[in-house]
N, C-alpha and C. Protein backbone atom coordinates (compact mmCIF):
# COMPACT_ATOMS: atom_id res chain seq x y z
N MET A 1 79.97 78.92 58.31
CA MET A 1 79.12 79.66 59.05
C MET A 1 78.69 78.92 60.42
N GLU A 2 79.19 77.63 60.87
CA GLU A 2 79.00 77.22 62.27
C GLU A 2 79.59 78.24 63.05
N ILE A 3 81.02 78.66 62.81
CA ILE A 3 81.50 79.65 63.67
C ILE A 3 80.68 80.99 64.11
N VAL A 4 79.85 81.37 63.36
CA VAL A 4 78.68 82.79 63.66
C VAL A 4 77.83 81.95 64.46
N VAL A 5 77.27 80.69 64.45
CA VAL A 5 76.28 80.22 65.31
C VAL A 5 76.76 80.29 66.85
N TRP A 6 78.20 79.60 66.88
CA TRP A 6 78.66 79.31 68.20
C TRP A 6 78.88 80.68 68.76
N ALA A 7 79.53 81.48 68.00
CA ALA A 7 79.51 82.88 68.51
C ALA A 7 78.52 83.62 68.96
N GLY A 8 77.64 83.51 68.17
CA GLY A 8 76.38 84.10 68.52
C GLY A 8 75.57 83.51 69.96
N ALA A 9 75.78 82.23 70.15
CA ALA A 9 75.22 81.54 71.24
C ALA A 9 75.94 81.73 72.38
N ALA A 10 77.31 82.17 72.08
CA ALA A 10 78.16 82.76 73.23
C ALA A 10 77.86 84.12 73.83
N LEU A 11 77.53 84.79 72.59
CA LEU A 11 77.06 86.38 72.89
C LEU A 11 75.51 86.42 73.74
N SER A 12 74.83 85.44 73.04
CA SER A 12 73.62 85.24 73.88
C SER A 12 73.76 84.65 75.45
N ALA A 13 74.45 83.73 75.78
CA ALA A 13 74.81 83.61 76.92
C ALA A 13 75.50 84.62 77.99
N ILE A 14 76.44 85.35 77.30
CA ILE A 14 77.04 86.42 77.93
C ILE A 14 76.08 87.42 78.31
N GLY A 15 74.99 87.63 77.26
CA GLY A 15 73.81 88.90 77.42
C GLY A 15 72.88 88.18 78.71
N LEU A 16 72.49 86.95 78.55
CA LEU A 16 71.81 86.41 79.61
C LEU A 16 72.31 86.24 81.13
N ALA A 17 73.65 86.20 81.22
CA ALA A 17 74.51 86.31 82.52
C ALA A 17 74.12 87.84 83.04
N GLY A 18 74.20 88.68 82.07
CA GLY A 18 73.98 90.29 82.58
C GLY A 18 72.39 90.22 82.60
N ILE A 19 71.80 89.81 82.20
CA ILE A 19 70.00 89.94 82.61
C ILE A 19 70.01 89.68 84.04
N VAL A 20 70.70 88.16 84.35
CA VAL A 20 70.20 87.51 85.50
C VAL A 20 70.72 88.65 86.43
N TYR A 21 72.43 88.88 86.20
CA TYR A 21 72.88 89.79 87.21
C TYR A 21 71.66 91.01 87.71
N SER A 22 71.37 91.59 86.63
CA SER A 22 70.71 92.75 86.77
C SER A 22 69.31 92.35 87.81
N ILE A 23 68.67 91.50 87.28
CA ILE A 23 67.82 91.06 88.08
C ILE A 23 67.73 91.03 89.62
N VAL A 24 69.09 90.04 90.02
CA VAL A 24 69.43 89.88 91.06
C VAL A 24 69.89 91.05 91.86
N ALA A 25 70.52 92.02 91.22
CA ALA A 25 70.89 93.21 91.78
C ALA A 25 69.77 94.29 92.16
N VAL A 26 68.75 94.27 91.33
CA VAL A 26 67.71 94.88 91.59
C VAL A 26 66.65 94.32 92.76
N SER A 27 66.63 92.99 92.77
CA SER A 27 65.80 92.60 93.86
C SER A 27 66.56 92.50 95.36
N ARG A 28 67.85 92.50 95.18
CA ARG A 28 68.59 92.81 96.47
C ARG A 28 68.35 94.52 96.90
N ALA A 29 68.40 95.26 96.09
CA ALA A 29 68.48 96.65 96.28
C ALA A 29 66.96 96.86 96.82
N LYS A 30 66.11 95.98 96.17
CA LYS A 30 64.64 96.21 96.59
C LYS A 30 64.65 95.84 98.44
N ARG A 31 64.97 94.48 98.59
CA ARG A 31 65.01 94.04 99.65
C ARG A 31 65.64 94.66 100.87
N ALA A 32 66.47 95.52 100.47
CA ALA A 32 67.36 96.19 101.50
C ALA A 32 66.64 97.27 102.08
N ASN A 33 65.23 97.75 101.87
CA ASN A 33 64.58 98.57 102.44
C ASN A 33 65.43 99.93 102.65
N LEU A 34 65.85 100.52 101.66
CA LEU A 34 66.61 101.79 101.29
C LEU A 34 65.29 102.53 101.50
N PRO A 35 65.81 104.22 101.81
CA PRO A 35 65.31 105.13 101.17
C PRO A 35 64.79 105.63 99.70
N ASP A 36 63.97 105.99 99.48
CA ASP A 36 63.61 106.19 97.91
C ASP A 36 64.51 106.74 97.12
N GLU A 37 65.12 107.94 97.63
CA GLU A 37 66.27 108.37 96.64
C GLU A 37 67.42 107.34 96.30
N GLU A 38 68.10 106.39 97.53
CA GLU A 38 68.83 105.56 97.54
C GLU A 38 68.89 104.52 96.28
N LEU A 39 67.45 104.03 96.71
CA LEU A 39 66.98 103.03 95.81
C LEU A 39 66.96 103.35 94.17
N ARG A 40 66.57 104.75 94.03
CA ARG A 40 66.34 105.21 92.76
C ARG A 40 67.83 105.15 92.06
N ALA A 41 68.82 105.62 92.95
CA ALA A 41 70.10 105.65 92.49
C ALA A 41 70.79 104.21 92.35
N ARG A 42 70.48 103.29 93.01
CA ARG A 42 71.38 102.08 92.78
C ARG A 42 70.43 101.21 91.37
N ILE A 43 69.36 101.80 91.37
CA ILE A 43 68.56 101.15 90.20
C ILE A 43 69.05 101.79 88.75
N SER A 44 69.33 103.12 88.94
CA SER A 44 69.69 103.91 87.84
C SER A 44 71.07 103.56 87.50
N ARG A 45 71.81 102.93 88.27
CA ARG A 45 73.50 102.20 88.18
C ARG A 45 73.23 101.10 87.44
N ILE A 46 72.00 100.36 87.65
CA ILE A 46 71.81 99.07 87.30
C ILE A 46 71.30 99.09 85.83
N LEU A 47 70.71 100.14 85.60
CA LEU A 47 69.89 100.21 84.24
C LEU A 47 70.92 100.10 83.18
N PRO A 48 72.05 100.87 82.73
CA PRO A 48 73.24 100.63 81.66
C PRO A 48 73.38 99.04 81.64
N ILE A 49 73.48 98.50 82.37
CA ILE A 49 74.17 97.12 82.67
C ILE A 49 72.90 96.21 81.81
N ASN A 50 71.96 96.42 82.43
CA ASN A 50 70.66 95.71 81.65
C ASN A 50 70.53 96.03 80.41
N LEU A 51 70.32 97.36 79.99
CA LEU A 51 70.55 97.50 78.59
C LEU A 51 71.57 96.93 77.82
N GLY A 52 72.63 97.25 78.10
CA GLY A 52 74.00 96.67 77.53
C GLY A 52 73.71 94.72 77.44
N ALA A 53 73.20 94.21 78.31
CA ALA A 53 73.08 92.74 78.45
C ALA A 53 71.98 92.41 77.25
N LEU A 54 70.82 93.46 77.27
CA LEU A 54 69.80 92.98 76.15
C LEU A 54 70.52 93.22 75.02
N PHE A 55 71.10 94.21 74.81
CA PHE A 55 71.79 94.43 73.26
C PHE A 55 72.66 93.67 73.12
N ILE A 56 73.48 92.96 73.69
CA ILE A 56 74.50 91.87 73.50
C ILE A 56 73.83 90.45 73.13
N SER A 57 72.82 90.18 73.95
CA SER A 57 71.82 89.09 73.60
C SER A 57 71.27 89.10 72.35
N MET A 58 70.55 90.38 72.11
CA MET A 58 70.01 90.43 71.11
C MET A 58 70.67 90.17 69.53
N ILE A 59 72.11 90.88 69.66
CA ILE A 59 72.97 90.64 68.76
C ILE A 59 73.42 89.05 68.56
N GLY A 60 73.49 88.54 69.52
CA GLY A 60 73.93 86.85 69.69
C GLY A 60 72.79 86.28 68.87
N LEU A 61 71.60 86.67 69.23
CA LEU A 61 70.54 85.83 68.76
C LEU A 61 70.37 85.91 67.00
N MET A 62 70.59 87.24 66.91
CA MET A 62 70.79 87.59 65.25
C MET A 62 71.85 86.78 64.85
N ALA A 63 72.79 86.75 65.27
CA ALA A 63 74.14 86.00 64.79
C ALA A 63 73.56 84.67 64.50
N VAL A 64 72.99 83.92 65.39
CA VAL A 64 72.57 82.87 65.23
C VAL A 64 71.88 82.39 64.26
N ILE A 65 70.60 83.45 64.23
CA ILE A 65 69.58 83.21 63.09
C ILE A 65 69.98 83.24 61.55
N ILE A 66 71.18 84.15 61.77
CA ILE A 66 71.91 84.46 60.25
C ILE A 66 72.89 83.21 59.86
N GLY A 67 73.26 82.63 60.94
CA GLY A 67 74.36 81.40 60.64
C GLY A 67 73.52 80.31 60.38
N VAL A 68 72.44 79.92 60.97
CA VAL A 68 71.44 78.93 60.85
C VAL A 68 71.03 79.02 59.31
N MET A 69 70.38 80.46 58.97
CA MET A 69 69.51 80.50 57.48
C MET A 69 70.69 80.36 56.72
N ALA A 70 72.11 80.83 56.60
CA ALA A 70 72.81 80.71 55.89
C ALA A 70 73.85 79.38 55.24
N SER A 71 73.37 78.64 56.60
CA SER A 71 73.59 77.17 56.32
C SER A 71 72.74 76.51 55.36
């Protein structure tokens, strides 16, 4: 079960990197003083990345919990 814990930790780290990327991308878009329509378009392109990163992170954390409880 140690493999499940380490695989879950890796997935959580990948998800965390995606979340950090989303935060940085949205803050850059907001600082660019774009028109409202263009800002909404950029944020709407970033949203699926953010949701995917949250999902990957959640799956990784669940794998860690399952690995720890099964040990």
